[in-house]
Amino acid sequence: MANMKSSEPIRASSKKETRNKLRKARSDANQGVVFDAQNLLLSEYLDRWLKDSVKDTVRISTYQRYEEVVRLHVVPGLGRIKLKALTPVHVQHFYRERLDSGLSPSTVRKFHNVLHRALHQAVRWGLVPRNATEATEPPKETSEEIRPLSEDEARRLLEAAHEDRLEALYVLALTTG
């Protein structure tokens, strides 16, 4: 993890409480739990989030999907930004770049869902004051209207499929929609 210094002072009302808090802080630091949230990159946070918050709480296929989104898309696009410096403008620009690269709105919306969940946890952990994805507009999913075959097109399809080994499948598909 990045710089392991804590940026916030430990406060306690007695020597005993101070000793206990110091003991816990040292133990956490030895286990890699404490990190400098001021300098924490988004990529470092996402790695921690996947390991500590996601891995044992979702199905393995969900974890793998989240990890893939983070590794292949979010980290290359936003990973070098400090977690505390991430703004809705950064996130919205990330969505626009992905759409402009040819990805579908539903795919970019999946990126939004993963990033939103990760940043929600960062707020709960007290690492950031707000979730930058809440002030963004993820792309709207568009669905293309389905145009069924005309009677003439259906007839030509069945004629072309006559005596094909999958002819029954084509007939079933045409008659049941």
N, C-alpha and C. Protein backbone atom coordinates (compact mmCIF):
# COMPACT_ATOMS: atom_id res chain seq x y z
N MET A 1 0.85 -1.17 0.00
CA MET A 1 0.00 0.00 0.00
C MET A 1 0.89 1.23 0.00
N ALA A 2 0.34 2.36 -0.32
CA ALA A 2 1.09 3.62 -0.38
C ALA A 2 1.58 4.01 0.99
N ASN A 3 2.05 5.19 1.12
CA ASN A 3 2.54 5.74 2.37
C ASN A 3 1.67 5.31 3.55
N MET A 4 2.28 4.67 4.51
CA MET A 4 1.50 4.07 5.59
C MET A 4 1.30 5.00 6.78
N LYS A 5 1.64 6.26 6.67
CA LYS A 5 1.46 7.18 7.79
C LYS A 5 0.00 7.58 7.89
N SER A 6 -0.48 7.69 9.09
CA SER A 6 -1.85 8.15 9.31
C SER A 6 -1.85 9.66 9.31
N SER A 7 -2.82 10.28 8.65
CA SER A 7 -2.86 11.73 8.57
C SER A 7 -3.70 12.34 9.68
N GLU A 8 -4.40 11.54 10.45
CA GLU A 8 -5.25 12.06 11.51
C GLU A 8 -4.67 11.67 12.86
N PRO A 9 -4.65 12.61 13.82
CA PRO A 9 -4.11 12.28 15.14
C PRO A 9 -5.04 11.32 15.88
N ILE A 10 -4.44 10.52 16.74
CA ILE A 10 -5.23 9.63 17.59
C ILE A 10 -5.63 10.43 18.82
N ARG A 11 -6.90 10.45 19.14
CA ARG A 11 -7.40 11.20 20.29
C ARG A 11 -7.93 10.21 21.33
N ALA A 12 -7.62 10.50 22.59
CA ALA A 12 -8.10 9.65 23.68
C ALA A 12 -8.24 10.50 24.94
N SER A 13 -9.08 10.03 25.85
CA SER A 13 -9.35 10.81 27.07
C SER A 13 -8.54 10.34 28.28
N SER A 14 -7.82 9.22 28.14
CA SER A 14 -7.01 8.75 29.27
C SER A 14 -5.75 8.05 28.72
N LYS A 15 -4.78 7.85 29.63
CA LYS A 15 -3.56 7.15 29.21
C LYS A 15 -3.87 5.72 28.78
N LYS A 16 -4.77 5.08 29.50
CA LYS A 16 -5.13 3.69 29.17
C LYS A 16 -5.76 3.63 27.77
N GLU A 17 -6.67 4.53 27.49
CA GLU A 17 -7.32 4.56 26.17
C GLU A 17 -6.28 4.87 25.09
N THR A 18 -5.34 5.76 25.39
CA THR A 18 -4.29 6.11 24.45
C THR A 18 -3.43 4.88 24.13
N ARG A 19 -3.04 4.14 25.20
CA ARG A 19 -2.24 2.92 24.99
C ARG A 19 -2.99 1.91 24.14
N ASN A 20 -4.29 1.71 24.44
CA ASN A 20 -5.09 0.75 23.68
C ASN A 20 -5.21 1.16 22.20
N LYS A 21 -5.44 2.45 21.97
CA LYS A 21 -5.55 2.93 20.60
C LYS A 21 -4.22 2.80 19.87
N LEU A 22 -3.13 3.09 20.55
CA LEU A 22 -1.81 2.97 19.94
C LEU A 22 -1.51 1.51 19.61
N ARG A 23 -1.83 0.62 20.54
CA ARG A 23 -1.63 -0.81 20.31
C ARG A 23 -2.41 -1.27 19.08
N LYS A 24 -3.67 -0.86 19.00
CA LYS A 24 -4.51 -1.24 17.86
C LYS A 24 -3.96 -0.64 16.56
N ALA A 25 -3.55 0.62 16.60
CA ALA A 25 -3.01 1.27 15.40
C ALA A 25 -1.76 0.55 14.91
N ARG A 26 -0.88 0.16 15.85
CA ARG A 26 0.33 -0.57 15.45
C ARG A 26 -0.02 -1.94 14.88
N SER A 27 -0.97 -2.59 15.49
CA SER A 27 -1.40 -3.90 15.00
C SER A 27 -1.99 -3.77 13.59
N ASP A 28 -2.84 -2.78 13.42
CA ASP A 28 -3.44 -2.56 12.09
C ASP A 28 -2.36 -2.24 11.06
N ALA A 29 -1.39 -1.42 11.43
CA ALA A 29 -0.33 -1.06 10.50
C ALA A 29 0.49 -2.29 10.12
N ASN A 30 0.76 -3.16 11.09
CA ASN A 30 1.51 -4.39 10.81
C ASN A 30 0.74 -5.31 9.87
N GLN A 31 -0.58 -5.25 9.93
CA GLN A 31 -1.41 -6.09 9.06
C GLN A 31 -1.73 -5.40 7.74
N GLY A 32 -1.25 -4.17 7.57
CA GLY A 32 -1.49 -3.45 6.32
C GLY A 32 -2.86 -2.81 6.26
N VAL A 33 -3.52 -2.62 7.39
CA VAL A 33 -4.87 -2.07 7.40
C VAL A 33 -4.86 -0.55 7.30
N VAL A 34 -3.87 0.11 7.88
CA VAL A 34 -3.83 1.56 7.90
C VAL A 34 -3.13 2.06 6.65
N PHE A 35 -3.67 3.09 6.06
CA PHE A 35 -3.01 3.69 4.92
C PHE A 35 -3.33 5.17 4.90
N ASP A 36 -2.51 5.90 4.20
CA ASP A 36 -2.64 7.35 4.13
C ASP A 36 -3.71 7.71 3.12
N ALA A 37 -4.90 8.02 3.60
CA ALA A 37 -6.02 8.32 2.71
C ALA A 37 -5.78 9.60 1.92
N GLN A 38 -4.93 10.49 2.42
CA GLN A 38 -4.65 11.73 1.70
C GLN A 38 -3.96 11.47 0.37
N ASN A 39 -3.08 10.47 0.33
CA ASN A 39 -2.30 10.19 -0.87
C ASN A 39 -2.70 8.89 -1.56
N LEU A 40 -3.78 8.29 -1.13
CA LEU A 40 -4.22 7.02 -1.68
C LEU A 40 -4.76 7.20 -3.10
N LEU A 41 -4.17 6.49 -4.04
CA LEU A 41 -4.65 6.54 -5.42
C LEU A 41 -5.92 5.71 -5.54
N LEU A 42 -6.76 6.06 -6.50
CA LEU A 42 -7.98 5.30 -6.73
C LEU A 42 -7.65 3.85 -7.02
N SER A 43 -6.60 3.60 -7.79
CA SER A 43 -6.23 2.22 -8.12
C SER A 43 -5.89 1.42 -6.86
N GLU A 44 -5.18 2.05 -5.92
CA GLU A 44 -4.82 1.37 -4.66
C GLU A 44 -6.07 1.10 -3.83
N TYR A 45 -6.95 2.10 -3.78
CA TYR A 45 -8.19 1.91 -3.02
C TYR A 45 -9.02 0.78 -3.62
N LEU A 46 -9.17 0.75 -4.94
CA LEU A 46 -10.00 -0.27 -5.57
C LEU A 46 -9.45 -1.67 -5.32
N ASP A 47 -8.13 -1.79 -5.31
CA ASP A 47 -7.51 -3.08 -4.99
C ASP A 47 -7.89 -3.50 -3.57
N ARG A 48 -7.77 -2.57 -2.64
CA ARG A 48 -8.13 -2.83 -1.23
C ARG A 48 -9.62 -3.17 -1.12
N TRP A 49 -10.46 -2.41 -1.81
CA TRP A 49 -11.91 -2.63 -1.76
C TRP A 49 -12.28 -4.02 -2.27
N LEU A 50 -11.68 -4.42 -3.38
CA LEU A 50 -11.97 -5.75 -3.92
C LEU A 50 -11.59 -6.85 -2.92
N LYS A 51 -10.43 -6.71 -2.29
CA LYS A 51 -9.96 -7.73 -1.36
C LYS A 51 -10.73 -7.73 -0.04
N ASP A 52 -10.96 -6.54 0.51
CA ASP A 52 -11.52 -6.44 1.86
C ASP A 52 -13.05 -6.39 1.91
N SER A 53 -13.67 -5.88 0.88
CA SER A 53 -15.11 -5.65 0.95
C SER A 53 -15.91 -6.52 0.00
N VAL A 54 -15.32 -6.96 -1.08
CA VAL A 54 -16.08 -7.67 -2.10
C VAL A 54 -15.81 -9.18 -2.11
N LYS A 55 -14.55 -9.55 -2.02
CA LYS A 55 -14.13 -10.93 -2.30
C LYS A 55 -14.97 -12.00 -1.61
N ASP A 56 -15.21 -11.89 -0.33
CA ASP A 56 -15.92 -12.95 0.38
C ASP A 56 -17.40 -12.63 0.62
N THR A 57 -17.92 -11.62 -0.08
CA THR A 57 -19.32 -11.23 0.16
C THR A 57 -20.21 -11.44 -1.05
N VAL A 58 -19.62 -11.81 -2.18
CA VAL A 58 -20.41 -12.03 -3.40
C VAL A 58 -19.99 -13.35 -4.03
N ARG A 59 -20.77 -13.80 -4.99
CA ARG A 59 -20.39 -15.02 -5.70
C ARG A 59 -19.08 -14.79 -6.43
N ILE A 60 -18.35 -15.86 -6.65
CA ILE A 60 -17.04 -15.75 -7.29
C ILE A 60 -17.17 -15.13 -8.68
N SER A 61 -18.24 -15.44 -9.40
CA SER A 61 -18.41 -14.87 -10.74
C SER A 61 -18.62 -13.36 -10.67
N THR A 62 -19.32 -12.89 -9.64
CA THR A 62 -19.52 -11.45 -9.46
C THR A 62 -18.19 -10.79 -9.13
N TYR A 63 -17.44 -11.39 -8.22
CA TYR A 63 -16.13 -10.86 -7.87
C TYR A 63 -15.24 -10.77 -9.12
N GLN A 64 -15.23 -11.81 -9.92
CA GLN A 64 -14.40 -11.82 -11.12
C GLN A 64 -14.82 -10.73 -12.09
N ARG A 65 -16.12 -10.50 -12.22
CA ARG A 65 -16.62 -9.46 -13.11
C ARG A 65 -16.20 -8.07 -12.60
N TYR A 66 -16.34 -7.84 -11.29
CA TYR A 66 -15.92 -6.56 -10.70
C TYR A 66 -14.42 -6.34 -10.90
N GLU A 67 -13.64 -7.39 -10.63
CA GLU A 67 -12.19 -7.28 -10.75
C GLU A 67 -11.80 -6.97 -12.19
N GLU A 68 -12.48 -7.58 -13.14
CA GLU A 68 -12.19 -7.33 -14.55
C GLU A 68 -12.53 -5.90 -14.95
N VAL A 69 -13.67 -5.40 -14.50
CA VAL A 69 -14.05 -4.02 -14.79
C VAL A 69 -13.02 -3.06 -14.21
N VAL A 70 -12.62 -3.31 -12.97
CA VAL A 70 -11.63 -2.44 -12.32
C VAL A 70 -10.30 -2.51 -13.06
N ARG A 71 -9.81 -3.70 -13.32
CA ARG A 71 -8.48 -3.88 -13.91
C ARG A 71 -8.41 -3.39 -15.36
N LEU A 72 -9.42 -3.70 -16.16
CA LEU A 72 -9.36 -3.39 -17.58
C LEU A 72 -9.87 -2.00 -17.96
N HIS A 73 -10.71 -1.42 -17.11
CA HIS A 73 -11.34 -0.17 -17.51
C HIS A 73 -11.16 0.97 -16.52
N VAL A 74 -11.53 0.76 -15.26
CA VAL A 74 -11.50 1.86 -14.30
C VAL A 74 -10.07 2.28 -13.98
N VAL A 75 -9.20 1.34 -13.68
CA VAL A 75 -7.82 1.69 -13.33
C VAL A 75 -7.10 2.37 -14.49
N PRO A 76 -7.18 1.85 -15.72
CA PRO A 76 -6.52 2.59 -16.81
C PRO A 76 -7.10 3.99 -17.03
N GLY A 77 -8.38 4.17 -16.79
CA GLY A 77 -9.01 5.46 -17.03
C GLY A 77 -8.90 6.45 -15.89
N LEU A 78 -8.97 5.96 -14.65
CA LEU A 78 -9.02 6.86 -13.49
C LEU A 78 -8.02 6.52 -12.39
N GLY A 79 -7.32 5.42 -12.51
CA GLY A 79 -6.51 4.89 -11.42
C GLY A 79 -5.44 5.78 -10.86
N ARG A 80 -4.90 6.71 -11.65
CA ARG A 80 -3.80 7.56 -11.17
C ARG A 80 -4.29 8.77 -10.38
N ILE A 81 -5.60 8.95 -10.31
CA ILE A 81 -6.16 10.08 -9.56
C ILE A 81 -6.22 9.68 -8.09
N LYS A 82 -5.88 10.62 -7.22
CA LYS A 82 -6.00 10.36 -5.79
C LYS A 82 -7.48 10.19 -5.45
N LEU A 83 -7.76 9.24 -4.57
CA LEU A 83 -9.14 8.97 -4.19
C LEU A 83 -9.85 10.23 -3.73
N LYS A 84 -9.19 11.01 -2.88
CA LYS A 84 -9.82 12.23 -2.33
C LYS A 84 -9.98 13.32 -3.39
N ALA A 85 -9.25 13.24 -4.48
CA ALA A 85 -9.31 14.26 -5.52
C ALA A 85 -10.29 13.90 -6.65
N LEU A 86 -10.82 12.69 -6.62
CA LEU A 86 -11.74 12.25 -7.68
C LEU A 86 -13.02 13.08 -7.64
N THR A 87 -13.38 13.64 -8.79
CA THR A 87 -14.57 14.49 -8.87
C THR A 87 -15.58 13.89 -9.85
N PRO A 88 -16.82 14.36 -9.78
CA PRO A 88 -17.81 13.93 -10.77
C PRO A 88 -17.37 14.25 -12.20
N VAL A 89 -16.62 15.32 -12.39
CA VAL A 89 -16.14 15.67 -13.74
C VAL A 89 -15.20 14.58 -14.26
N HIS A 90 -14.31 14.09 -13.40
CA HIS A 90 -13.42 12.99 -13.81
C HIS A 90 -14.24 11.78 -14.26
N VAL A 91 -15.22 11.43 -13.44
CA VAL A 91 -16.02 10.24 -13.71
C VAL A 91 -16.84 10.41 -14.98
N GLN A 92 -17.47 11.57 -15.14
CA GLN A 92 -18.29 11.81 -16.33
C GLN A 92 -17.42 11.77 -17.59
N HIS A 93 -16.22 12.33 -17.52
CA HIS A 93 -15.30 12.28 -18.66
C HIS A 93 -14.90 10.83 -18.96
N PHE A 94 -14.69 10.04 -17.92
CA PHE A 94 -14.37 8.62 -18.09
C PHE A 94 -15.49 7.92 -18.86
N TYR A 95 -16.75 8.19 -18.50
CA TYR A 95 -17.88 7.59 -19.21
C TYR A 95 -17.88 8.00 -20.67
N ARG A 96 -17.66 9.30 -20.93
CA ARG A 96 -17.66 9.81 -22.30
C ARG A 96 -16.57 9.17 -23.13
N GLU A 97 -15.36 9.04 -22.57
CA GLU A 97 -14.26 8.40 -23.30
C GLU A 97 -14.60 6.97 -23.66
N ARG A 98 -15.21 6.25 -22.74
CA ARG A 98 -15.54 4.85 -23.01
C ARG A 98 -16.62 4.74 -24.09
N LEU A 99 -17.61 5.63 -24.04
CA LEU A 99 -18.64 5.63 -25.08
C LEU A 99 -18.03 5.98 -26.44
N ASP A 100 -17.15 6.98 -26.46
CA ASP A 100 -16.51 7.41 -27.70
C ASP A 100 -15.59 6.33 -28.27
N SER A 101 -15.09 5.44 -27.42
CA SER A 101 -14.22 4.36 -27.90
C SER A 101 -15.04 3.22 -28.51
N GLY A 102 -16.36 3.34 -28.46
CA GLY A 102 -17.21 2.33 -29.10
C GLY A 102 -17.93 1.39 -28.15
N LEU A 103 -17.72 1.55 -26.85
CA LEU A 103 -18.43 0.68 -25.90
C LEU A 103 -19.89 1.09 -25.83
N SER A 104 -20.75 0.13 -25.55
CA SER A 104 -22.19 0.40 -25.50
C SER A 104 -22.56 1.10 -24.20
N PRO A 105 -23.67 1.83 -24.21
CA PRO A 105 -24.13 2.47 -22.98
C PRO A 105 -24.35 1.46 -21.84
N SER A 106 -24.83 0.27 -22.15
CA SER A 106 -25.06 -0.71 -21.08
C SER A 106 -23.74 -1.18 -20.47
N THR A 107 -22.69 -1.28 -21.27
CA THR A 107 -21.38 -1.66 -20.76
C THR A 107 -20.82 -0.57 -19.85
N VAL A 108 -20.91 0.67 -20.30
CA VAL A 108 -20.41 1.79 -19.49
C VAL A 108 -21.24 1.93 -18.22
N ARG A 109 -22.51 1.61 -18.29
CA ARG A 109 -23.37 1.65 -17.10
C ARG A 109 -22.90 0.60 -16.08
N LYS A 110 -22.41 -0.53 -16.55
CA LYS A 110 -21.85 -1.55 -15.64
C LYS A 110 -20.61 -1.01 -14.93
N PHE A 111 -19.78 -0.26 -15.66
CA PHE A 111 -18.62 0.38 -15.03
C PHE A 111 -19.09 1.33 -13.94
N HIS A 112 -20.14 2.09 -14.25
CA HIS A 112 -20.71 3.04 -13.27
C HIS A 112 -21.15 2.29 -12.01
N ASN A 113 -21.84 1.18 -12.18
CA ASN A 113 -22.36 0.44 -11.03
C ASN A 113 -21.23 -0.06 -10.13
N VAL A 114 -20.15 -0.56 -10.72
CA VAL A 114 -19.02 -1.04 -9.92
C VAL A 114 -18.35 0.13 -9.21
N LEU A 115 -18.09 1.20 -9.94
CA LEU A 115 -17.43 2.36 -9.35
C LEU A 115 -18.30 2.99 -8.26
N HIS A 116 -19.60 3.04 -8.50
CA HIS A 116 -20.52 3.60 -7.50
C HIS A 116 -20.47 2.79 -6.20
N ARG A 117 -20.48 1.49 -6.36
CA ARG A 117 -20.44 0.61 -5.17
C ARG A 117 -19.13 0.78 -4.41
N ALA A 118 -18.03 0.86 -5.14
CA ALA A 118 -16.72 1.02 -4.50
C ALA A 118 -16.64 2.35 -3.76
N LEU A 119 -17.11 3.42 -4.38
CA LEU A 119 -17.02 4.73 -3.75
C LEU A 119 -18.02 4.86 -2.60
N HIS A 120 -19.12 4.15 -2.67
CA HIS A 120 -20.06 4.12 -1.55
C HIS A 120 -19.36 3.54 -0.32
N GLN A 121 -18.58 2.49 -0.52
CA GLN A 121 -17.84 1.90 0.59
C GLN A 121 -16.76 2.85 1.10
N ALA A 122 -16.13 3.61 0.21
CA ALA A 122 -15.12 4.58 0.64
C ALA A 122 -15.75 5.64 1.54
N VAL A 123 -16.97 6.04 1.24
CA VAL A 123 -17.68 7.00 2.10
C VAL A 123 -17.96 6.35 3.45
N ARG A 124 -18.42 5.11 3.44
CA ARG A 124 -18.73 4.41 4.69
C ARG A 124 -17.48 4.22 5.54
N TRP A 125 -16.33 4.01 4.91
CA TRP A 125 -15.07 3.85 5.62
C TRP A 125 -14.47 5.19 6.04
N GLY A 126 -15.08 6.28 5.65
CA GLY A 126 -14.61 7.61 6.03
C GLY A 126 -13.40 8.09 5.24
N LEU A 127 -13.16 7.51 4.08
CA LEU A 127 -12.02 7.90 3.26
C LEU A 127 -12.31 9.12 2.40
N VAL A 128 -13.55 9.29 2.02
CA VAL A 128 -13.98 10.45 1.23
C VAL A 128 -15.31 10.96 1.79
N PRO A 129 -15.57 12.25 1.64
CA PRO A 129 -16.80 12.80 2.19
C PRO A 129 -18.04 12.53 1.35
N ARG A 130 -17.83 12.25 0.04
CA ARG A 130 -18.97 12.03 -0.83
C ARG A 130 -18.59 11.06 -1.96
N ASN A 131 -19.62 10.48 -2.56
CA ASN A 131 -19.44 9.55 -3.65
C ASN A 131 -19.52 10.34 -4.96
N ALA A 132 -18.41 10.44 -5.67
CA ALA A 132 -18.35 11.24 -6.89
C ALA A 132 -19.30 10.75 -7.98
N THR A 133 -19.69 9.48 -7.94
CA THR A 133 -20.59 8.97 -8.98
C THR A 133 -22.02 9.44 -8.80
N GLU A 134 -22.37 9.91 -7.60
CA GLU A 134 -23.74 10.34 -7.36
C GLU A 134 -24.09 11.62 -8.09
N ALA A 135 -23.10 12.39 -8.49
CA ALA A 135 -23.35 13.64 -9.21
C ALA A 135 -23.09 13.48 -10.71
N THR A 136 -23.07 12.24 -11.19
CA THR A 136 -22.84 11.99 -12.61
C THR A 136 -24.10 11.44 -13.25
N GLU A 137 -24.12 11.46 -14.56
CA GLU A 137 -25.21 10.88 -15.32
C GLU A 137 -24.65 9.69 -16.10
N PRO A 138 -24.88 8.49 -15.62
CA PRO A 138 -24.42 7.34 -16.40
C PRO A 138 -25.24 7.28 -17.70
N PRO A 139 -24.68 6.70 -18.74
CA PRO A 139 -25.40 6.67 -20.01
C PRO A 139 -26.71 5.89 -19.90
N LYS A 140 -27.68 6.38 -20.61
CA LYS A 140 -28.98 5.69 -20.65
C LYS A 140 -28.84 4.47 -21.55
N GLU A 141 -29.43 3.39 -21.10
CA GLU A 141 -29.41 2.19 -21.93
C GLU A 141 -30.44 2.36 -23.03
N THR A 142 -30.01 2.07 -24.24
CA THR A 142 -30.91 2.18 -25.37
C THR A 142 -31.23 0.79 -25.87
N SER A 143 -32.46 0.59 -26.20
CA SER A 143 -32.84 -0.70 -26.76
C SER A 143 -33.37 -0.46 -28.17
N GLU A 144 -32.85 -1.23 -29.08
CA GLU A 144 -33.29 -1.10 -30.46
C GLU A 144 -34.65 -1.77 -30.62
N GLU A 145 -35.49 -1.13 -31.39
CA GLU A 145 -36.81 -1.71 -31.62
C GLU A 145 -36.66 -2.93 -32.52
N ILE A 146 -37.31 -3.99 -32.13
CA ILE A 146 -37.25 -5.23 -32.90
C ILE A 146 -38.30 -5.16 -34.00
N ARG A 147 -37.85 -5.45 -35.23
CA ARG A 147 -38.76 -5.44 -36.36
C ARG A 147 -38.92 -6.89 -36.83
N PRO A 148 -40.10 -7.44 -36.66
CA PRO A 148 -40.31 -8.83 -37.09
C PRO A 148 -40.27 -8.93 -38.62
N LEU A 149 -40.02 -10.13 -39.09
CA LEU A 149 -40.02 -10.35 -40.54
C LEU A 149 -41.43 -10.18 -41.10
N SER A 150 -41.48 -9.65 -42.30
CA SER A 150 -42.78 -9.55 -42.98
C SER A 150 -43.17 -10.96 -43.44
N GLU A 151 -44.41 -11.12 -43.88
CA GLU A 151 -44.85 -12.44 -44.36
C GLU A 151 -44.00 -12.91 -45.52
N ASP A 152 -43.68 -11.99 -46.42
CA ASP A 152 -42.87 -12.34 -47.59
C ASP A 152 -41.47 -12.76 -47.16
N GLU A 153 -40.85 -12.03 -46.21
CA GLU A 153 -39.52 -12.37 -45.72
C GLU A 153 -39.53 -13.72 -45.01
N ALA A 154 -40.58 -13.99 -44.24
CA ALA A 154 -40.68 -15.27 -43.53
C ALA A 154 -40.81 -16.42 -44.53
N ARG A 155 -41.62 -16.22 -45.56
CA ARG A 155 -41.80 -17.26 -46.59
C ARG A 155 -40.47 -17.54 -47.28
N ARG A 156 -39.71 -16.49 -47.64
CA ARG A 156 -38.42 -16.68 -48.31
C ARG A 156 -37.43 -17.41 -47.39
N LEU A 157 -37.45 -17.10 -46.10
CA LEU A 157 -36.58 -17.78 -45.15
C LEU A 157 -36.90 -19.28 -45.11
N LEU A 158 -38.19 -19.61 -45.03
CA LEU A 158 -38.57 -21.03 -44.97
C LEU A 158 -38.23 -21.76 -46.27
N GLU A 159 -38.35 -21.07 -47.39
CA GLU A 159 -37.98 -21.68 -48.67
C GLU A 159 -36.48 -21.96 -48.70
N ALA A 160 -35.69 -21.01 -48.21
CA ALA A 160 -34.24 -21.20 -48.20
C ALA A 160 -33.82 -22.29 -47.22
N ALA A 161 -34.60 -22.49 -46.16
CA ALA A 161 -34.25 -23.47 -45.13
C ALA A 161 -34.83 -24.85 -45.45
N HIS A 162 -35.61 -24.97 -46.53
CA HIS A 162 -36.24 -26.25 -46.87
C HIS A 162 -35.18 -27.34 -47.02
N GLU A 163 -35.41 -28.44 -46.34
CA GLU A 163 -34.54 -29.62 -46.31
C GLU A 163 -33.20 -29.36 -45.61
N ASP A 164 -33.08 -28.23 -44.94
CA ASP A 164 -31.90 -27.99 -44.11
C ASP A 164 -32.07 -28.81 -42.83
N ARG A 165 -31.00 -29.25 -42.22
CA ARG A 165 -31.13 -30.06 -41.00
C ARG A 165 -31.74 -29.27 -39.85
N LEU A 166 -31.70 -27.94 -39.89
CA LEU A 166 -32.28 -27.10 -38.83
C LEU A 166 -33.62 -26.48 -39.24
N GLU A 167 -34.25 -27.03 -40.29
CA GLU A 167 -35.51 -26.46 -40.79
C GLU A 167 -36.56 -26.38 -39.69
N ALA A 168 -36.68 -27.39 -38.87
CA ALA A 168 -37.68 -27.39 -37.79
C ALA A 168 -37.42 -26.24 -36.80
N LEU A 169 -36.16 -25.96 -36.53
CA LEU A 169 -35.81 -24.85 -35.64
C LEU A 169 -36.26 -23.52 -36.23
N TYR A 170 -36.04 -23.33 -37.53
CA TYR A 170 -36.46 -22.08 -38.18
C TYR A 170 -37.98 -21.94 -38.15
N VAL A 171 -38.70 -23.01 -38.39
CA VAL A 171 -40.16 -22.98 -38.36
C VAL A 171 -40.63 -22.62 -36.93
N LEU A 172 -40.03 -23.26 -35.96
CA LEU A 172 -40.39 -22.98 -34.55
C LEU A 172 -40.13 -21.52 -34.19
N ALA A 173 -38.97 -21.03 -34.59
CA ALA A 173 -38.63 -19.64 -34.28
C ALA A 173 -39.60 -18.68 -34.96
N LEU A 174 -39.96 -18.91 -36.19
CA LEU A 174 -40.89 -18.01 -36.90
C LEU A 174 -42.30 -18.06 -36.31
N THR A 175 -42.73 -19.24 -35.90
CA THR A 175 -44.13 -19.37 -35.44
C THR A 175 -44.31 -18.99 -33.98
N THR A 176 -43.21 -18.95 -33.21
CA THR A 176 -43.36 -18.60 -31.79
C THR A 176 -42.76 -17.23 -31.44
N GLY A 177 -42.12 -16.63 -32.40
CA GLY A 177 -41.57 -15.29 -32.17
C GLY A 177 -40.25 -15.36 -31.49
